C-alpha atoms as a PDB file:
ATOM      1  CA  MET A   1       0.000   0.000   0.000  1.00  0.00           C
ATOM      2  CA  ALA A   2       2.824   2.374   0.820  1.00  0.00           C
ATOM      3  CA  ASN A   3       4.357   1.483  -2.514  1.00  0.00           C
ATOM      4  CA  THR A   4       1.211   2.714  -4.338  1.00  0.00           C
ATOM      5  CA  CYS A   5       1.292   6.091  -2.542  1.00  0.00           C
ATOM      6  CA  ALA A   6       4.965   6.604  -3.316  1.00  0.00           C
ATOM      7  CA  LYS A   7       4.342   5.650  -6.920  1.00  0.00           C
ATOM      8  CA  SER A   8       1.501   8.170  -7.188  1.00  0.00           C
ATOM      9  CA  ARG A   9       3.736  10.906  -5.757  1.00  0.00           C
ATOM     10  CA  ARG A  10       6.341  10.145  -8.383  1.00  0.00           C
ATOM     11  CA  LEU A  11       3.723  10.210 -11.138  1.00  0.00           C
ATOM     12  CA  GLY A  12       2.366  13.532  -9.866  1.00  0.00           C
ATOM     13  CA  ALA A  13       5.808  15.126 -10.058  1.00  0.00           C
ATOM     14  CA  ASN A  14       6.035  14.452 -13.828  1.00  0.00           C
ATOM     15  CA  ARG A  15       2.605  15.883 -14.660  1.00  0.00           C
ATOM     16  CA  PRO A  16       1.786  19.436 -15.747  1.00  0.00           C
ATOM     17  CA  PRO A  17       1.023  21.831 -12.869  1.00  0.00           C
ATOM     18  CA  GLN A  18      -2.787  21.859 -13.348  1.00  0.00           C
ATOM     19  CA  TYR A  19      -2.971  18.190 -12.226  1.00  0.00           C
ATOM     20  CA  ALA A  20      -2.358  17.084  -8.665  1.00  0.00           C
ATOM     21  CA  PRO A  21      -2.413  13.534  -7.234  1.00  0.00           C
ATOM     22  CA  ILE A  22      -5.080  12.881  -4.600  1.00  0.00           C
ATOM     23  CA  THR A  23      -5.354   9.781  -2.440  1.00  0.00           C
ATOM     24  CA  PRO A  24      -8.802   9.538  -0.897  1.00  0.00           C
ATOM     25  CA  ILE A  25      -8.613   8.467   2.723  1.00  0.00           C
ATOM     26  CA  LEU A  26     -11.392   5.894   2.503  1.00  0.00           C
ATOM     27  CA  LEU A  27     -10.348   4.205  -0.730  1.00  0.00           C
ATOM     28  CA  HIS A  28      -6.530   4.470  -0.557  1.00  0.00           C
ATOM     29  CA  LEU A  29      -6.411   4.585  -4.341  1.00  0.00           C
ATOM     30  CA  PRO A  30      -4.490   7.224  -6.269  1.00  0.00           C
ATOM     31  CA  VAL A  31      -6.844   9.600  -8.090  1.00  0.00           C
ATOM     32  CA  SER A  32      -5.963  12.752  -9.985  1.00  0.00           C
ATOM     33  CA  PHE A  33      -8.209  15.436 -11.409  1.00  0.00           C
ATOM     34  CA  PRO A  34      -7.722  18.925 -12.913  1.00  0.00           C
ATOM     35  CA  LEU A  35      -7.732  21.801 -10.466  1.00  0.00           C
ATOM     36  CA  PRO A  36      -9.882  24.601 -11.901  1.00  0.00           C
ATOM     37  CA  SER A  37      -8.171  27.929 -12.110  1.00  0.00           C
ATOM     38  CA  VAL A  38      -9.628  31.204 -10.911  1.00  0.00           C
ATOM     39  CA  GLU A  39      -9.149  32.803 -14.343  1.00  0.00           C
ATOM     40  CA  ARG A  40     -11.297  30.217 -16.133  1.00  0.00           C
ATOM     41  CA  LEU A  41     -14.499  31.699 -17.579  1.00  0.00           C
ATOM     42  CA  PRO A  42     -17.725  29.757 -17.558  1.00  0.00           C
ATOM     43  CA  GLN A  43     -18.559  27.946 -20.756  1.00  0.00           C
ATOM     44  CA  ARG A  44     -21.464  29.101 -22.904  1.00  0.00           C
ATOM     45  CA  GLY A  45     -24.814  27.724 -21.716  1.00  0.00           C
ATOM     46  CA  ARG A  46     -23.595  26.969 -18.197  1.00  0.00           C
ATOM     47  CA  ASP A  47     -24.599  28.694 -15.023  1.00  0.00           C
ATOM     48  CA  PRO A  48     -21.835  31.087 -13.852  1.00  0.00           C
ATOM     49  CA  ARG A  49     -22.555  30.067 -10.249  1.00  0.00           C
ATOM     50  CA  SER A  50     -21.581  26.479 -10.999  1.00  0.00           C
ATOM     51  CA  ALA A  51     -18.210  27.714 -12.297  1.00  0.00           C
ATOM     52  CA  ALA A  52     -17.705  29.650  -9.069  1.00  0.00           C
ATOM     53  CA  ARG A  53     -18.672  26.559  -7.113  1.00  0.00           C
ATOM     54  CA  GLN A  54     -16.080  24.501  -8.991  1.00  0.00           C
ATOM     55  CA  ARG A  55     -13.288  26.811  -7.832  1.00  0.00           C
ATOM     56  CA  TRP A  56     -13.718  25.637  -4.266  1.00  0.00           C
ATOM     57  CA  VAL A  57     -13.971  21.909  -4.957  1.00  0.00           C
ATOM     58  CA  SER A  58     -10.849  20.166  -3.895  1.00  0.00           C
ATOM     59  CA  SER A  59     -11.656  16.449  -4.229  1.00  0.00           C
ATOM     60  CA  PRO A  60     -14.406  14.094  -5.429  1.00  0.00           C
ATOM     61  CA  ALA A  61     -15.018  12.980  -1.834  1.00  0.00           C
ATOM     62  CA  GLN A  62     -15.707  16.576  -0.810  1.00  0.00           C
ATOM     63  CA  THR A  63     -17.983  16.984  -3.825  1.00  0.00           C
ATOM     64  CA  ARG A  64     -20.017  13.939  -2.801  1.00  0.00           C
ATOM     65  CA  TRP A  65     -20.188  15.197   0.766  1.00  0.00           C
ATOM     66  CA  ARG A  66     -21.312  18.652  -0.422  1.00  0.00           C
ATOM     67  CA  ASP A  67     -23.911  17.122  -2.738  1.00  0.00           C
ATOM     68  CA  ARG A  68     -25.265  14.980   0.098  1.00  0.00           C
ATOM     69  CA  ARG A  69     -25.445  17.991   2.393  1.00  0.00           C
ATOM     70  CA  MET A  70     -27.240  20.033  -0.250  1.00  0.00           C
ATOM     71  CA  MET A  71     -29.693  17.187  -0.864  1.00  0.00           C
ATOM     72  CA  ARG A  72     -30.378  16.880   2.884  1.00  0.00           C
ATOM     73  CA  GLU A  73     -31.004  20.619   3.114  1.00  0.00           C
ATOM     74  CA  LEU A  74     -33.335  20.463   0.115  1.00  0.00           C
ATOM     75  CA  LEU A  75     -35.276  17.541   1.614  1.00  0.00           C
ATOM     76  CA  ASN A  76     -35.491  19.284   5.007  1.00  0.00           C
ATOM     77  CA  ARG A  77     -36.778  22.427   3.308  1.00  0.00           C
ATOM     78  CA  ARG A  78     -39.416  20.375   1.494  1.00  0.00           C
ATOM     79  CA  ARG A  79     -40.421  18.658   4.728  1.00  0.00           C
ATOM     80  CA  ARG A  80     -40.884  22.016   6.426  1.00  0.00           C
ATOM     81  CA  GLN A  81     -42.993  23.278   3.539  1.00  0.00           C
ATOM     82  CA  ARG A  82     -45.190  20.150   3.534  1.00  0.00           C
ATOM     83  CA  GLY A  83     -46.482  20.572   7.088  1.00  0.00           C
ATOM     84  CA  PHE A  84     -50.005  21.662   8.022  1.00  0.00           C
ATOM     85  CA  THR A  85     -50.804  24.807   9.952  1.00  0.00           C
ATOM     86  CA  LEU A  86     -52.821  24.752  13.154  1.00  0.00           C
ATOM     87  CA  VAL A  87     -55.767  26.420  11.424  1.00  0.00           C
ATOM     88  CA  GLU A  88     -55.874  23.737   8.722  1.00  0.00           C
ATOM     89  CA  ILE A  89     -55.803  20.961  11.315  1.00  0.00           C
ATOM     90  CA  MET A  90     -58.566  22.658  13.341  1.00  0.00           C
ATOM     91  CA  ILE A  91     -60.762  22.959  10.222  1.00  0.00           C
ATOM     92  CA  VAL A  92     -60.331  19.241   9.491  1.00  0.00           C
ATOM     93  CA  VAL A  93     -61.200  18.356  13.107  1.00  0.00           C
ATOM     94  CA  LEU A  94     -64.290  20.573  12.917  1.00  0.00           C
ATOM     95  CA  ILE A  95     -65.469  18.917   9.692  1.00  0.00           C
ATOM     96  CA  ILE A  96     -64.943  15.439  11.179  1.00  0.00           C
ATOM     97  CA  GLY A  97     -66.910  16.508  14.288  1.00  0.00           C
ATOM     98  CA  ILE A  98     -69.844  17.723  12.172  1.00  0.00           C
ATOM     99  CA  LEU A  99     -69.880  14.491  10.179  1.00  0.00           C
ATOM    100  CA  LEU A 100     -69.874  12.439  13.393  1.00  0.00           C
ATOM    101  CA  ALA A 101     -72.692  14.539  14.871  1.00  0.00           C
ATOM    102  CA  VAL A 102     -74.827  13.708  11.827  1.00  0.00           C
ATOM    103  CA  ALA A 103     -73.757  10.082  11.344  1.00  0.00           C
ATOM    104  CA  VAL A 104     -73.863   8.666  14.908  1.00  0.00           C
ATOM    105  CA  PRO A 105     -77.587   9.317  15.643  1.00  0.00           C
ATOM    106  CA  SER A 106     -78.484   8.033  12.192  1.00  0.00           C
ATOM    107  CA  PHE A 107     -76.441   4.891  12.809  1.00  0.00           C
ATOM    108  CA  MET A 108     -78.099   4.312  16.180  1.00  0.00           C
ATOM    109  CA  ASN A 109     -81.583   4.699  14.663  1.00  0.00           C
ATOM    110  CA  ALA A 110     -80.708   2.297  11.850  1.00  0.00           C
ATOM    111  CA  ARG A 111     -79.482  -0.271  14.363  1.00  0.00           C
ATOM    112  CA  GLU A 112     -82.696  -0.042  16.409  1.00  0.00           C
ATOM    113  CA  ARG A 113     -84.838  -0.271  13.254  1.00  0.00           C
ATOM    114  CA  SER A 114     -83.011  -3.443  12.206  1.00  0.00           C
ATOM    115  CA  ARG A 115     -83.548  -4.976  15.674  1.00  0.00           C
ATOM    116  CA  ALA A 116     -87.278  -4.179  15.537  1.00  0.00           C
ATOM    117  CA  GLN A 117     -87.505  -5.701  12.046  1.00  0.00           C
ATOM    118  CA  ALA A 118     -85.778  -8.890  13.269  1.00  0.00           C
ATOM    119  CA  CYS A 119     -88.179  -9.047  16.237  1.00  0.00           C
ATOM    120  CA  ARG A 120     -91.220  -8.713  13.921  1.00  0.00           C
ATOM    121  CA  SER A 121     -89.806 -11.517  11.763  1.00  0.00           C
ATOM    122  CA  ASN A 122     -89.484 -13.734  14.851  1.00  0.00           C
ATOM    123  CA  LEU A 123     -93.104 -12.956  15.835  1.00  0.00           C
ATOM    124  CA  ARG A 124     -94.257 -13.973  12.326  1.00  0.00           C
ATOM    125  CA  GLN A 125     -92.399 -17.303  12.730  1.00  0.00           C
ATOM    126  CA  ILE A 126     -94.143 -17.910  16.059  1.00  0.00           C
ATOM    127  CA  GLN A 127     -97.537 -17.026  14.506  1.00  0.00           C
ATOM    128  CA  ALA A 128     -96.951 -19.433  11.584  1.00  0.00           C
ATOM    129  CA  ALA A 129     -95.895 -22.202  14.014  1.00  0.00           C
ATOM    130  CA  LYS A 130     -99.088 -21.596  16.084  1.00  0.00           C
ATOM    131  CA  GLU A 131    -101.260 -21.920  12.989  1.00  0.00           C
ATOM    132  CA  GLN A 132     -99.499 -25.132  11.917  1.00  0.00           C
ATOM    133  CA  TRP A 133     -99.905 -26.571  15.443  1.00  0.00           C
ATOM    134  CA  ALA A 134    -103.614 -25.680  15.505  1.00  0.00           C
ATOM    135  CA  MET A 135    -104.250 -27.330  12.113  1.00  0.00           C
ATOM    136  CA  ALA A 136    -102.217 -30.434  13.000  1.00  0.00           C
ATOM    137  CA  THR A 137    -103.938 -30.959  16.367  1.00  0.00           C
ATOM    138  CA  ASN A 138    -107.444 -29.697  15.363  1.00  0.00           C
ATOM    139  CA  GLN A 139    -107.491 -26.941  17.996  1.00  0.00           C
ATOM    140  CA  GLY A 140    -110.055 -24.093  18.143  1.00  0.00           C
ATOM    141  CA  PRO A 141    -109.547 -20.299  18.386  1.00  0.00           C
ATOM    142  CA  ASN A 142    -109.286 -20.315  22.182  1.00  0.00           C
ATOM    143  CA  ALA A 143    -106.510 -22.943  22.351  1.00  0.00           C
ATOM    144  CA  GLU A 144    -103.174 -21.702  23.641  1.00  0.00           C
ATOM    145  CA  PRO A 145    -100.018 -23.644  22.677  1.00  0.00           C
ATOM    146  CA  THR A 146     -96.914 -23.716  24.854  1.00  0.00           C
ATOM    147  CA  GLN A 147     -93.348 -23.230  23.763  1.00  0.00           C
ATOM    148  CA  ALA A 148     -92.641 -26.938  24.327  1.00  0.00           C
ATOM    149  CA  GLN A 149     -95.460 -27.880  21.937  1.00  0.00           C
ATOM    150  CA  LEU A 150     -94.207 -25.559  19.165  1.00  0.00           C
ATOM    151  CA  SER A 151     -90.439 -25.765  19.521  1.00  0.00           C
ATOM    152  CA  PRO A 152     -89.308 -29.191  18.377  1.00  0.00           C
ATOM    153  CA  GLU A 153     -91.803 -29.778  15.535  1.00  0.00           C
ATOM    154  CA  TYR A 154     -92.909 -26.414  14.161  1.00  0.00           C
ATOM    155  CA  ILE A 155     -89.953 -24.149  15.074  1.00  0.00           C
ATOM    156  CA  GLN A 156     -86.536 -25.811  15.137  1.00  0.00           C
ATOM    157  CA  THR A 157     -84.927 -23.314  17.566  1.00  0.00           C
ATOM    158  CA  TRP A 158     -86.913 -20.870  19.669  1.00  0.00           C
ATOM    159  CA  PRO A 159     -86.208 -17.295  18.476  1.00  0.00           C
ATOM    160  CA  GLN A 160     -84.769 -14.641  20.798  1.00  0.00           C
ATOM    161  CA  CYS A 161     -85.594 -10.941  20.636  1.00  0.00           C
ATOM    162  CA  PRO A 162     -82.447  -9.014  19.492  1.00  0.00           C
ATOM    163  CA  SER A 163     -83.210  -6.244  21.992  1.00  0.00           C
ATOM    164  CA  GLY A 164     -83.556  -8.677  24.906  1.00  0.00           C
ATOM    165  CA  GLY A 165     -87.366  -8.893  25.132  1.00  0.00           C
ATOM    166  CA  ASN A 166     -89.463 -11.988  25.939  1.00  0.00           C
ATOM    167  CA  TYR A 167     -92.095 -13.440  23.619  1.00  0.00           C
ATOM    168  CA  THR A 168     -95.634 -14.237  24.756  1.00  0.00           C
ATOM    169  CA  ILE A 169     -97.334 -16.808  22.521  1.00  0.00           C
ATOM    170  CA  GLY A 170    -101.007 -16.109  23.404  1.00  0.00           C
ATOM    171  CA  ASN A 171    -104.029 -18.028  22.187  1.00  0.00           C
ATOM    172  CA  MET A 172    -104.982 -18.706  18.571  1.00  0.00           C
ATOM    173  CA  SER A 173    -107.157 -15.588  18.221  1.00  0.00           C
ATOM    174  CA  THR A 174    -104.344 -13.179  19.252  1.00  0.00           C
ATOM    175  CA  ASN A 175    -100.952 -12.443  17.741  1.00  0.00           C
ATOM    176  CA  PRO A 176     -97.769 -13.250  19.670  1.00  0.00           C
ATOM    177  CA  THR A 177     -96.226 -10.210  21.421  1.00  0.00           C
ATOM    178  CA  CYS A 178     -92.832  -9.013  22.586  1.00  0.00           C
ATOM    179  CA  SER A 179     -92.313  -7.582  26.062  1.00  0.00           C
ATOM    180  CA  ILE A 180     -90.601  -4.490  24.606  1.00  0.00           C
ATOM    181  CA  GLY A 181     -93.709  -3.458  22.631  1.00  0.00           C
ATOM    182  CA  GLY A 182     -93.821  -0.383  20.374  1.00  0.00           C
ATOM    183  CA  THR A 183     -92.237  -1.275  17.024  1.00  0.00           C
ATOM    184  CA  HIS A 184     -91.628  -4.838  18.299  1.00  0.00           C
ATOM    185  CA  SER A 185     -95.153  -6.032  17.473  1.00  0.00           C
ATOM    186  CA  LEU A 186     -97.126  -7.429  14.535  1.00  0.00           C
END
């Protein structure tokens, strides 16, 4: 390795003065590049600032480091510009609050309507099972079946009210009822 550095020093001594040997610390390989002079004018079509920037560049490693630093600064500047202000965040929170104030009561009403509909469906099943029982056993309008008489043959599983009510079967001349009442009735 020391031989390579000495060799590069010897090669640098024979070159014209605008070239200088450089050995990057990380790579330990001899690299040479032209040193820009202060008198050099920028070429046509190039930014004069880039020519001024080239005057201060001393090695490719420093150029990479400078480019990385500039890229980091550019990304940080973009990150700062991408943020939201407090007013914008407050407006979004306000809009979400209004939407929730409208949606939650509507959702609760829809849920209760679906429970009442399921309860009415269960009452219709009980009524149909009562009618089948009455026809099968030749019962009159005053006969009142029990859950045990309806459950195994005419209703496979006894229905439960989704809102937690209890069903009353009643006699053949009345409809079955739910203990909750209101919309939970036929």
